[in-house]
Amino acid sequence: MMNVENMPTYDQSEQLAKAEAGVDQLFAQRKDRWYPLEHIASKAGWINDPNGLCYFKGRYHAYFQLHPFGTQWGPMHWGHVSSEDLATWRREPVAMAPSFEAEKDGVFSGSAVISDDGKMVIYYTGHRWRNGVNEDEGNLQEQCMAVSEDGIHFEKKGVVVPCPDDRIPHFRDPKVWKQGDTWTMVFGVCTPEHRGEIWMYTSPDMVNWTFVGPVYKHPDPKVFMLECPDMFPLGDEWVICYSAMGLSPEGFEARNHNNAGYVIGSWEPGQPFKQETEFHLWDDGHNFYAPQTCEAADGRRLMFGWMSPFTQPIPMDEDGWCGQFTVPREVTLAGDHLRTLPIREFDQLDEDKQDFGAIELGVNESRDLVADAQTADIEMEIDLAHSQAERIGLEIHRTSNGDHTLVCYDDQLERVVLDRHANTYGDRGYRTAPLDKSEGKLKLRIIVDRGSVEVYVNDALEVISSYSFPAEGPRAIRLVAESGEGKAIVSSLSIAKLRTIWETPDR
């Protein structure tokens, strides 16, 4: 039953006005050296998880966790952008700010659905610290509800799913959809035994929710929380995705602080999910977390991820902003895992395309392709069957001091590699993605922004998303071949510039 006790603690409109002022104050000092032109980000301030993705009254809405008063994680608000076509985006006012007791320390992540009477309904986690200061004594988290007629202004309805056990330290991130005549909610839980689970509730009216049970339990006892869960049908299968806290690295896998992935299986209402595949990472890069999906107007399944700056140092937090989304991706089945291509609408941003055709490089030869690229949409195919170089690829964000990020095929690893060892700014290290060499070729699509690189391998069977913070000066793109017994063969290569996604430039 809905709980409106102690509502409101603060005037919502005053809190939103303060948040807008906070963003504007940070924006006044914002540096744009790495600020994205092709990726959703707040005008200023810290952002994390995508929230409330939906299509409503002719526009796509993307909300996000926002700290409007600083460039590191802090009291969570909901920022907001919207788009008519998924290619060009408009900045909208801050959507939600903490205003009553259950959410006084943050309006945490959640999702949006459209009610039967045509309203947008948001479900999100109201957050409080048990000790009133920090997480040392755990969280008090409950699932809340808000309603909007326009997607811009929200009327909060209070708590609809209170935490059922005071010993539960994490209880958050509701994802809601309608299954037949029943509304279904899943969210992540850390049980009193500190095991990561996904719980399910159902409702006939969107307000009164009944506990069904755990729909998924992580088998690894070290995984203590499954953040930002999502659950959706795809073809004849069901997909459960989550961001696993406590997952240990193994080989090339799960190298990040926390790691987001999915499992595919079957599900019937009222029953636990039956897992039929191994856990697979959504993205093999340094910086990917907390994805959320939604259904497009034409029925496609879309996914937005957060490029998470977990590892210190985080250079852009000195620039008045911190954090961005990935390029939105279309999700389709590909056997026992998912393919996640950039949305087709992203192609509308390409301009001034250069076609370099086929290129052959000798041993340790390199070739400059573009003298200065703030943004780029690169498509290339490497002839693996006839190349003999040990590494073939592109140095991206190459500056005059030698800084660059290398994207290449590594013949010793037999994997695609994104290597940041030559970067002055930010975390270094490399990440890799597996590939099937049986066809003797490798297709890469690489989307370059001012401070990031996304690599789509063989039509996005794998993806590597990482921040890349170039040094001062022009940012070149160079084709390189390293070592080996003979030439490197690139069958085709094209590079396009990209116009910005922003409907109205900030400056």
Protein backbone atom coordinates (compact mmCIF):
# COMPACT_ATOMS: atom_id res chain seq x y z
CA MET A 1 0.00 0.00 0.00
CA MET A 2 1.27 3.47 -0.83
CA ASN A 3 2.94 5.23 2.09
CA VAL A 4 2.91 9.03 2.05
CA GLU A 5 3.93 9.52 5.67
CA ASN A 6 6.15 12.56 6.17
CA MET A 7 5.57 13.84 2.61
CA PRO A 8 6.91 16.33 1.74
CA THR A 9 9.96 17.15 3.83
CA TYR A 10 11.12 19.80 1.34
CA ASP A 11 9.37 21.77 -1.37
CA GLN A 12 10.12 19.88 -4.59
CA SER A 13 10.15 22.98 -6.81
CA GLU A 14 12.68 24.69 -4.51
CA GLN A 15 14.91 21.61 -4.54
CA LEU A 16 14.76 21.44 -8.33
CA ALA A 17 15.63 25.13 -8.61
CA LYS A 18 18.67 24.57 -6.36
CA ALA A 19 19.76 21.66 -8.52
CA GLU A 20 19.48 23.72 -11.71
CA ALA A 21 21.51 26.48 -10.09
CA GLY A 22 24.15 23.93 -9.05
CA VAL A 23 24.47 22.61 -12.59
CA ASP A 24 24.70 26.16 -13.98
CA GLN A 25 27.43 27.07 -11.50
CA LEU A 26 29.53 24.07 -12.54
CA PHE A 27 28.79 24.72 -16.21
CA ALA A 28 30.18 28.25 -15.94
CA GLN A 29 33.63 26.74 -15.30
CA ARG A 30 33.26 23.67 -17.53
CA LYS A 31 36.23 22.72 -19.70
CA ASP A 32 35.34 21.10 -23.01
CA ARG A 33 38.63 19.38 -23.89
CA TRP A 34 37.03 15.95 -23.29
CA TYR A 35 33.34 16.87 -23.01
CA PRO A 36 31.34 14.58 -25.34
CA LEU A 37 29.78 15.72 -28.59
CA GLU A 38 28.32 12.28 -29.44
CA HIS A 39 27.34 10.88 -26.04
CA ILE A 40 24.66 11.87 -23.56
CA ALA A 41 26.05 13.69 -20.53
CA SER A 42 24.78 16.31 -18.12
CA LYS A 43 25.56 19.92 -19.01
CA ALA A 44 27.69 19.79 -15.86
CA GLY A 45 28.04 17.75 -12.67
CA TRP A 46 28.45 14.03 -12.05
CA ILE A 47 26.19 11.45 -13.73
CA ASN A 48 25.81 7.70 -13.45
CA ASP A 49 23.11 5.11 -14.24
CA PRO A 50 20.65 5.54 -17.13
CA ASN A 51 17.14 5.74 -15.67
CA GLY A 52 13.55 5.82 -16.88
CA LEU A 53 14.21 5.04 -20.55
CA CYS A 54 10.96 5.18 -22.51
CA TYR A 55 9.06 6.48 -25.53
CA PHE A 56 6.30 8.85 -24.43
CA LYS A 57 4.11 11.24 -26.42
CA GLY A 58 6.31 11.23 -29.49
CA ARG A 59 9.68 11.59 -27.77
CA TYR A 60 12.32 9.31 -26.29
CA HIS A 61 13.21 10.17 -22.71
CA ALA A 62 16.50 9.32 -21.02
CA TYR A 63 16.94 10.20 -17.37
CA PHE A 64 20.10 9.66 -15.38
CA GLN A 65 21.50 9.76 -11.89
CA LEU A 66 22.84 13.26 -11.34
CA HIS A 67 24.83 15.03 -8.63
CA PRO A 68 24.21 18.66 -9.58
CA PHE A 69 26.55 20.17 -6.98
CA GLY A 70 29.81 18.37 -7.72
CA THR A 71 31.82 16.21 -10.10
CA GLN A 72 32.03 13.16 -7.87
CA TRP A 73 29.22 10.91 -6.65
CA GLY A 74 26.90 12.67 -4.21
CA PRO A 75 23.20 13.14 -3.34
CA MET A 76 21.37 11.71 -6.31
CA HIS A 77 18.86 13.64 -8.42
CA TRP A 78 17.41 12.71 -11.82
CA GLY A 79 18.76 14.59 -14.84
CA HIS A 80 16.89 14.41 -18.13
CA VAL A 81 17.33 14.64 -21.90
CA SER A 82 14.84 13.83 -24.66
CA SER A 83 14.82 13.17 -28.39
CA GLU A 84 12.34 12.87 -31.22
CA ASP A 85 14.58 10.70 -33.40
CA LEU A 86 17.25 9.12 -31.12
CA ALA A 87 19.93 11.03 -33.03
CA THR A 88 19.52 14.61 -31.79
CA TRP A 89 18.93 15.29 -28.09
CA ARG A 90 17.44 18.18 -26.12
CA ARG A 91 18.40 19.11 -22.58
CA GLU A 92 15.45 19.11 -20.19
CA PRO A 93 15.13 20.49 -16.65
CA VAL A 94 16.25 18.36 -13.71
CA ALA A 95 13.36 15.93 -13.24
CA MET A 96 13.53 14.87 -9.58
CA ALA A 97 15.27 15.97 -6.39
CA PRO A 98 15.10 14.54 -2.84
CA SER A 99 12.03 15.98 -1.12
CA PHE A 100 10.64 13.54 1.49
CA GLU A 101 11.92 11.33 4.25
CA ALA A 102 12.26 8.02 2.38
CA GLU A 103 14.50 9.65 -0.25
CA LYS A 104 16.16 12.39 1.75
CA ASP A 105 19.66 11.15 0.86
CA GLY A 106 18.95 10.48 -2.80
CA VAL A 107 16.45 9.57 -5.52
CA PHE A 108 18.21 6.45 -6.76
CA SER A 109 17.81 4.51 -10.01
CA GLY A 110 14.59 3.25 -11.53
CA SER A 111 12.52 2.81 -14.66
CA ALA A 112 9.53 4.27 -16.50
CA VAL A 113 6.37 2.73 -17.93
CA ILE A 114 3.28 4.17 -19.58
CA SER A 115 0.06 3.52 -17.66
CA ASP A 116 -3.18 2.36 -19.24
CA ASP A 117 -4.51 5.93 -18.97
CA GLY A 118 -1.55 7.36 -20.86
CA LYS A 119 0.63 8.75 -18.07
CA MET A 120 4.33 8.21 -17.50
CA VAL A 121 4.89 6.36 -14.23
CA ILE A 122 8.35 6.29 -12.68
CA TYR A 123 9.42 3.67 -10.14
CA TYR A 124 12.65 4.45 -8.34
CA THR A 125 14.51 3.80 -5.09
CA GLY A 126 14.24 6.23 -2.22
CA HIS A 127 17.52 6.22 -0.34
CA ARG A 128 18.57 7.08 3.22
CA TRP A 129 21.74 6.37 5.19
CA ARG A 130 21.06 4.37 8.34
CA ASN A 131 23.42 6.57 10.33
CA GLY A 132 22.34 9.72 8.49
CA VAL A 133 25.86 10.32 7.15
CA ASN A 134 27.30 7.48 5.05
CA GLU A 135 27.09 3.76 4.21
CA ASP A 136 29.11 2.54 7.22
CA GLU A 137 25.94 1.16 8.85
CA GLY A 138 24.14 0.32 5.61
CA ASN A 139 21.25 1.74 3.59
CA LEU A 140 17.54 2.21 4.13
CA GLN A 141 16.05 1.76 0.67
CA GLU A 142 12.43 1.55 -0.51
CA GLN A 143 10.74 1.56 -3.92
CA CYS A 144 8.84 4.76 -4.70
CA MET A 145 6.48 5.98 -7.41
CA ALA A 146 5.99 9.26 -9.31
CA VAL A 147 3.60 10.21 -12.11
CA SER A 148 3.91 12.67 -14.99
CA GLU A 149 1.57 14.03 -17.65
CA ASP A 150 4.41 15.41 -19.80
CA GLY A 151 7.64 13.60 -18.85
CA ILE A 152 9.02 16.88 -17.47
CA HIS A 153 7.13 17.49 -14.23
CA PHE A 154 6.50 14.71 -11.70
CA GLU A 155 4.07 14.24 -8.85
CA LYS A 156 5.57 11.95 -6.24
CA LYS A 157 3.27 9.32 -4.76
CA GLY A 158 5.58 8.01 -2.03
CA VAL A 159 6.69 4.50 -1.11
CA VAL A 160 4.91 1.59 -2.80
CA VAL A 161 7.29 -1.27 -1.85
CA PRO A 162 8.85 -0.88 1.61
CA CYS A 163 11.92 -2.94 2.48
CA PRO A 164 10.55 -6.16 4.04
CA ASP A 165 13.52 -6.92 6.31
CA ASP A 166 15.57 -4.41 8.28
CA ARG A 167 18.65 -6.64 7.87
CA ILE A 168 18.74 -6.10 4.08
CA PRO A 169 21.60 -3.68 3.29
CA HIS A 170 20.81 -3.13 -0.44
CA PHE A 171 17.30 -3.09 -1.94
CA ARG A 172 17.10 -0.97 -5.10
CA ASP A 173 16.79 -0.16 -8.81
CA PRO A 174 13.26 -1.30 -9.82
CA LYS A 175 12.57 -2.24 -13.44
CA VAL A 176 8.86 -2.48 -14.30
CA TRP A 177 6.90 -3.80 -17.29
CA LYS A 178 3.40 -5.09 -18.04
CA GLN A 179 3.01 -8.83 -18.53
CA GLY A 180 -0.50 -9.52 -19.85
CA ASP A 181 -2.80 -7.77 -17.38
CA THR A 182 -0.22 -7.75 -14.61
CA TRP A 183 2.44 -5.19 -13.78
CA THR A 184 5.74 -6.82 -12.88
CA MET A 185 8.67 -5.32 -10.96
CA VAL A 186 12.18 -6.70 -10.44
CA PHE A 187 14.97 -5.12 -8.42
CA GLY A 188 18.33 -5.98 -6.94
CA VAL A 189 18.76 -7.26 -3.40
CA CYS A 190 21.60 -8.06 -1.07
CA THR A 191 20.05 -10.60 1.28
CA PRO A 192 20.76 -10.68 5.03
CA GLU A 193 23.21 -13.46 4.16
CA HIS A 194 24.96 -11.04 1.74
CA ARG A 195 24.00 -12.94 -1.42
CA GLY A 196 23.08 -11.17 -4.66
CA GLU A 197 19.52 -11.86 -5.84
CA ILE A 198 16.82 -10.36 -8.07
CA TRP A 199 13.38 -10.22 -6.49
CA MET A 200 10.03 -9.97 -8.26
CA TYR A 201 6.79 -8.27 -7.21
CA THR A 202 3.50 -8.01 -9.15
CA SER A 203 0.57 -5.60 -9.08
CA PRO A 204 -2.89 -5.36 -10.71
CA ASP A 205 -3.07 -1.57 -10.37
CA MET A 206 0.53 -0.22 -10.29
CA VAL A 207 0.14 0.77 -6.62
CA ASN A 208 -0.42 -2.36 -4.52
CA TRP A 209 2.49 -4.79 -4.96
CA THR A 210 2.75 -8.43 -3.89
CA PHE A 211 6.02 -10.31 -3.35
CA VAL A 212 6.40 -13.27 -5.75
CA GLY A 213 9.89 -14.39 -4.72
CA PRO A 214 13.45 -14.38 -5.98
CA VAL A 215 13.40 -14.77 -9.76
CA TYR A 216 17.19 -15.13 -9.98
CA LYS A 217 19.94 -15.99 -7.47
CA HIS A 218 23.57 -15.47 -8.35
CA PRO A 219 25.50 -18.73 -7.91
CA ASP A 220 28.75 -17.07 -6.72
CA PRO A 221 28.75 -16.48 -2.94
CA LYS A 222 31.18 -13.59 -3.41
CA VAL A 223 28.65 -11.66 -5.49
CA PHE A 224 26.72 -9.79 -2.82
CA MET A 225 24.53 -7.45 -4.88
CA LEU A 226 22.98 -7.35 -8.36
CA GLU A 227 22.55 -3.67 -9.19
CA CYS A 228 20.35 -2.21 -11.93
CA PRO A 229 18.67 -5.48 -12.96
CA ASP A 230 16.68 -5.67 -16.17
CA MET A 231 14.50 -8.44 -17.55
CA PHE A 232 12.95 -8.57 -21.01
CA PRO A 233 11.85 -10.96 -23.78
CA LEU A 234 13.88 -11.21 -26.97
CA GLY A 235 12.53 -13.51 -29.66
CA ASP A 236 11.57 -16.75 -27.91
CA GLU A 237 14.03 -16.17 -25.07
CA TRP A 238 14.15 -14.11 -21.89
CA VAL A 239 17.15 -12.08 -20.84
CA ILE A 240 18.15 -11.09 -17.32
CA CYS A 241 20.92 -8.56 -16.99
CA TYR A 242 22.54 -7.12 -13.89
CA SER A 243 25.62 -5.34 -12.62
CA ALA A 244 27.44 -7.72 -10.33
CA MET A 245 29.12 -6.38 -7.20
CA GLY A 246 31.82 -8.70 -5.85
CA LEU A 247 32.51 -10.64 -9.05
CA SER A 248 36.16 -11.73 -9.13
CA PRO A 249 38.31 -11.25 -12.26
CA GLU A 250 39.28 -14.37 -14.19
CA GLY A 251 41.64 -14.19 -17.15
CA PHE A 252 40.40 -11.49 -19.53
CA GLU A 253 36.97 -11.42 -17.90
CA ALA A 254 35.49 -9.14 -15.21
CA ARG A 255 38.56 -6.93 -14.87
CA ASN A 256 36.65 -3.84 -13.72
CA HIS A 257 35.70 -2.78 -10.21
CA ASN A 258 32.15 -4.01 -10.86
CA ASN A 259 30.95 -5.71 -14.05
CA ALA A 260 27.70 -5.67 -16.01
CA GLY A 261 26.46 -8.63 -18.01
CA TYR A 262 23.53 -10.88 -18.81
CA VAL A 263 22.26 -14.43 -18.99
CA ILE A 264 19.72 -15.85 -21.46
CA GLY A 265 17.08 -18.41 -20.59
CA SER A 266 13.37 -19.04 -20.18
CA TRP A 267 10.75 -17.75 -17.79
CA GLU A 268 7.08 -18.28 -17.02
CA PRO A 269 5.14 -15.91 -14.74
CA GLY A 270 5.20 -17.11 -11.16
CA GLN A 271 8.29 -19.25 -11.74
CA PRO A 272 12.02 -18.65 -11.27
CA PHE A 273 14.07 -17.74 -14.31
CA LYS A 274 15.80 -20.76 -15.91
CA GLN A 275 19.32 -19.84 -16.96
CA GLU A 276 20.43 -21.49 -20.21
CA THR A 277 23.68 -19.66 -21.02
CA GLU A 278 26.80 -18.55 -19.21
CA PHE A 279 27.09 -15.02 -17.86
CA HIS A 280 28.36 -12.78 -20.67
CA LEU A 281 29.65 -9.23 -20.31
CA TRP A 282 27.67 -6.57 -22.15
CA ASP A 283 30.93 -4.78 -22.89
CA ASP A 284 34.60 -5.75 -22.53
CA GLY A 285 35.90 -2.20 -22.02
CA HIS A 286 37.32 -0.37 -19.02
CA ASN A 287 34.28 1.86 -18.59
CA PHE A 288 30.86 0.26 -18.83
CA TYR A 289 28.23 -0.30 -16.12
CA ALA A 290 24.56 -0.12 -15.12
CA PRO A 291 22.89 -0.53 -18.55
CA GLN A 292 19.15 -0.22 -18.95
CA THR A 293 16.98 -1.26 -21.90
CA CYS A 294 13.67 -0.05 -23.28
CA GLU A 295 11.44 -0.78 -26.24
CA ALA A 296 11.57 1.62 -29.18
CA ALA A 297 8.44 2.87 -30.90
CA ASP A 298 9.01 0.28 -33.65
CA GLY A 299 9.55 -2.61 -31.22
CA ARG A 300 13.36 -2.71 -31.21
CA ARG A 301 15.08 -3.37 -27.89
CA LEU A 302 17.42 -0.46 -27.13
CA MET A 303 20.16 -0.34 -24.51
CA PHE A 304 21.92 2.65 -22.95
CA GLY A 305 24.98 2.08 -20.75
CA TRP A 306 26.95 4.30 -18.41
CA MET A 307 30.64 4.83 -19.12
CA SER A 308 31.65 4.47 -15.50
CA PRO A 309 34.82 6.26 -14.33
CA PHE A 310 35.45 3.90 -11.41
CA THR A 311 39.24 3.86 -11.48
CA GLN A 312 41.27 6.82 -10.21
CA PRO A 313 42.45 9.22 -11.44
CA ILE A 314 39.34 10.67 -13.11
CA PRO A 315 40.66 13.65 -15.07
CA MET A 316 37.34 15.12 -16.23
CA ASP A 317 36.11 15.68 -12.68
CA GLU A 318 38.43 18.71 -12.69
CA ASP A 319 36.53 20.05 -15.71
CA GLY A 320 33.09 20.66 -14.16
CA TRP A 321 31.52 17.41 -15.38
CA CYS A 322 32.02 13.68 -14.96
CA GLY A 323 30.45 10.69 -16.69
CA GLN A 324 28.59 9.96 -19.93
CA PHE A 325 26.42 7.33 -21.58
CA THR A 326 27.51 4.98 -24.33
CA VAL A 327 26.05 5.41 -27.78
CA PRO A 328 22.55 3.83 -27.65
CA ARG A 329 22.62 0.26 -28.97
CA GLU A 330 20.14 -2.11 -30.62
CA VAL A 331 19.96 -5.48 -28.86
CA THR A 332 19.36 -8.66 -30.86
CA LEU A 333 19.94 -12.36 -30.25
CA ALA A 334 23.10 -13.94 -31.66
CA GLY A 335 23.03 -17.58 -30.60
CA ASP A 336 23.99 -17.88 -26.95
CA HIS A 337 24.75 -14.17 -26.53
CA LEU A 338 23.57 -10.72 -27.64
CA ARG A 339 24.60 -8.43 -30.47
CA THR A 340 24.59 -4.72 -29.56
CA LEU A 341 25.07 -2.50 -32.63
CA PRO A 342 24.93 1.29 -32.46
CA ILE A 343 21.38 2.37 -33.19
CA ARG A 344 20.80 2.86 -36.92
CA GLU A 345 19.81 6.49 -36.27
CA PHE A 346 23.40 7.22 -35.26
CA ASP A 347 24.40 6.99 -38.95
CA GLN A 348 22.56 10.29 -39.51
CA LEU A 349 25.40 12.07 -37.70
CA ASP A 350 28.09 11.05 -40.23
CA GLU A 351 29.50 13.76 -42.49
CA ASP A 352 32.62 14.43 -44.59
CA LYS A 353 33.32 10.74 -45.02
CA GLN A 354 36.75 9.78 -46.40
CA ASP A 355 37.13 6.38 -48.11
CA PHE A 356 40.71 5.14 -47.99
CA GLY A 357 39.99 1.90 -49.84
CA ALA A 358 42.37 -1.06 -49.39
CA ILE A 359 45.74 -0.44 -47.73
CA GLU A 360 48.84 -2.61 -47.33
CA LEU A 361 51.52 -1.83 -44.75
CA GLY A 362 54.98 -3.34 -44.51
CA VAL A 363 56.63 -4.56 -41.32
CA ASN A 364 56.51 -1.82 -38.65
CA GLU A 365 55.10 0.67 -41.16
CA SER A 366 52.59 3.36 -40.20
CA ARG A 367 50.44 5.81 -42.16
CA ASP A 368 48.80 9.04 -40.98
CA LEU A 369 45.14 9.14 -41.97
CA VAL A 370 43.60 12.19 -40.25
CA ALA A 371 45.54 15.12 -38.78
CA ASP A 372 42.95 16.15 -36.19
CA ALA A 373 39.77 14.31 -35.23
CA GLN A 374 37.60 15.55 -32.38
CA THR A 375 35.08 12.89 -33.40
CA ALA A 376 35.13 10.02 -35.86
CA ASP A 377 33.02 7.11 -37.10
CA ILE A 378 35.52 4.57 -38.42
CA GLU A 379 34.75 1.39 -40.36
CA MET A 380 37.53 -0.99 -41.28
CA GLU A 381 38.02 -4.60 -42.30
CA ILE A 382 41.31 -6.44 -41.74
CA ASP A 383 42.29 -9.43 -43.86
CA LEU A 384 43.42 -11.83 -41.13
CA ALA A 385 43.92 -14.74 -43.50
CA HIS A 386 46.69 -13.01 -45.48
CA SER A 387 48.17 -10.58 -42.96
CA GLN A 388 51.38 -11.49 -41.14
CA ALA A 389 51.82 -8.55 -38.77
CA GLU A 390 51.63 -9.29 -35.06
CA ARG A 391 49.48 -6.20 -34.48
CA ILE A 392 47.36 -4.25 -36.97
CA GLY A 393 45.26 -1.30 -35.96
CA LEU A 394 44.76 2.40 -35.33
CA GLU A 395 46.39 4.85 -32.99
CA ILE A 396 43.53 7.14 -31.95
CA HIS A 397 43.79 10.48 -30.13
CA ARG A 398 47.46 10.62 -31.16
CA THR A 399 49.03 13.90 -30.05
CA SER A 400 52.41 15.44 -30.77
CA ASN A 401 53.91 14.14 -27.50
CA GLY A 402 53.21 10.53 -28.58
CA ASP A 403 50.10 9.99 -26.45
CA HIS A 404 47.52 7.72 -28.08
CA THR A 405 45.05 4.90 -27.53
CA LEU A 406 45.73 1.84 -29.67
CA VAL A 407 42.86 -0.23 -31.11
CA CYS A 408 44.22 -3.31 -32.87
CA TYR A 409 44.08 -6.98 -33.66
CA ASP A 410 46.77 -8.83 -31.69
CA ASP A 411 47.79 -12.06 -33.41
CA GLN A 412 49.49 -13.51 -30.32
CA LEU A 413 46.39 -13.04 -28.18
CA GLU A 414 44.05 -13.67 -31.12
CA ARG A 415 41.88 -10.93 -29.68
CA VAL A 416 40.94 -7.33 -30.33
CA VAL A 417 42.80 -5.00 -27.97
CA LEU A 418 42.18 -1.46 -26.72
CA ASP A 419 45.45 -0.34 -25.12
CA ARG A 420 45.86 2.95 -23.19
CA HIS A 421 49.48 2.46 -22.07
CA ALA A 422 50.61 5.62 -23.88
CA ASN A 423 48.12 7.98 -22.20
CA THR A 424 49.29 10.82 -19.96
CA TYR A 425 45.87 11.45 -18.45
CA GLY A 426 43.68 8.97 -16.60
CA ASP A 427 43.90 5.27 -15.95
CA ARG A 428 45.99 3.18 -18.35
CA GLY A 429 45.91 -0.57 -18.95
CA TYR A 430 44.28 -2.53 -21.73
CA ARG A 431 41.12 -4.51 -22.38
CA THR A 432 40.46 -7.22 -24.95
CA ALA A 433 37.57 -8.87 -26.76
CA PRO A 434 37.45 -12.39 -28.21
CA LEU A 435 36.66 -13.02 -31.86
CA ASP A 436 35.92 -15.86 -34.23
CA LYS A 437 38.71 -16.02 -36.84
CA SER A 438 37.10 -18.75 -38.94
CA GLU A 439 36.07 -16.38 -41.75
CA GLY A 440 39.59 -14.96 -42.01
CA LYS A 441 38.59 -11.34 -41.55
CA LEU A 442 37.85 -8.84 -38.80
CA LYS A 443 35.29 -6.04 -39.07
CA LEU A 444 35.67 -3.09 -36.71
CA ARG A 445 33.50 -0.04 -36.21
CA ILE A 446 35.12 2.53 -33.92
CA ILE A 447 33.24 5.56 -32.60
CA VAL A 448 35.57 8.27 -31.33
CA ASP A 449 34.48 11.21 -29.18
CA ARG A 450 36.54 13.90 -27.49
CA GLY A 451 37.29 11.68 -24.50
CA SER A 452 36.15 8.15 -25.34
CA VAL A 453 36.47 5.27 -27.78
CA GLU A 454 33.89 2.54 -28.49
CA VAL A 455 34.97 -0.48 -30.55
CA TYR A 456 32.35 -2.76 -32.13
CA VAL A 457 33.82 -6.12 -33.15
CA ASN A 458 32.37 -8.16 -36.03
CA ASP A 459 29.01 -6.40 -36.17
CA ALA A 460 28.97 -5.90 -32.39
CA LEU A 461 29.22 -9.50 -31.26
CA GLU A 462 31.61 -7.90 -28.76
CA VAL A 463 32.13 -4.25 -27.76
CA ILE A 464 34.94 -2.43 -25.95
CA SER A 465 34.07 0.97 -24.43
CA SER A 466 36.76 3.00 -22.68
CA TYR A 467 37.60 6.57 -21.80
CA SER A 468 40.60 8.01 -23.62
CA PHE A 469 41.75 11.46 -22.55
CA PRO A 470 44.08 12.92 -25.18
CA ALA A 471 46.82 15.41 -24.39
CA GLU A 472 46.85 18.96 -25.70
CA GLY A 473 46.98 19.69 -29.41
CA PRO A 474 45.61 18.08 -32.60
CA ARG A 475 44.34 14.50 -32.26
CA ALA A 476 45.51 12.41 -35.17
CA ILE A 477 44.46 8.95 -36.36
CA ARG A 478 47.29 6.71 -37.58
CA LEU A 479 47.20 3.24 -39.13
CA VAL A 480 49.99 1.00 -37.79
CA ALA A 481 51.46 -2.47 -38.24
CA GLU A 482 53.78 -3.97 -35.66
CA SER A 483 56.39 -6.69 -36.12
CA GLY A 484 55.66 -10.04 -37.77
CA GLU A 485 56.99 -11.79 -40.87
CA GLY A 486 55.27 -9.72 -43.51
CA LYS A 487 52.67 -7.18 -44.55
CA ALA A 488 49.44 -6.10 -42.92
CA ILE A 489 46.39 -6.00 -45.18
CA VAL A 490 43.43 -3.73 -44.55
CA SER A 491 40.68 -4.64 -47.01
CA SER A 492 38.69 -1.43 -46.53
CA LEU A 493 38.82 1.68 -44.35
CA SER A 494 36.63 4.77 -44.08
CA ILE A 495 36.50 7.63 -41.59
CA ALA A 496 33.64 10.11 -41.18
CA LYS A 497 33.37 13.14 -38.95
CA LEU A 498 30.30 13.35 -36.71
CA ARG A 499 28.04 16.29 -36.09
CA THR A 500 27.00 16.76 -32.48
CA ILE A 501 23.98 15.04 -30.96
CA TRP A 502 22.94 18.22 -29.12
CA GLU A 503 19.93 20.05 -30.55
CA THR A 504 21.18 23.34 -29.11
CA PRO A 505 24.91 23.82 -28.42
CA ASP A 506 25.73 24.64 -24.80
CA ARG A 507 27.93 27.55 -25.79
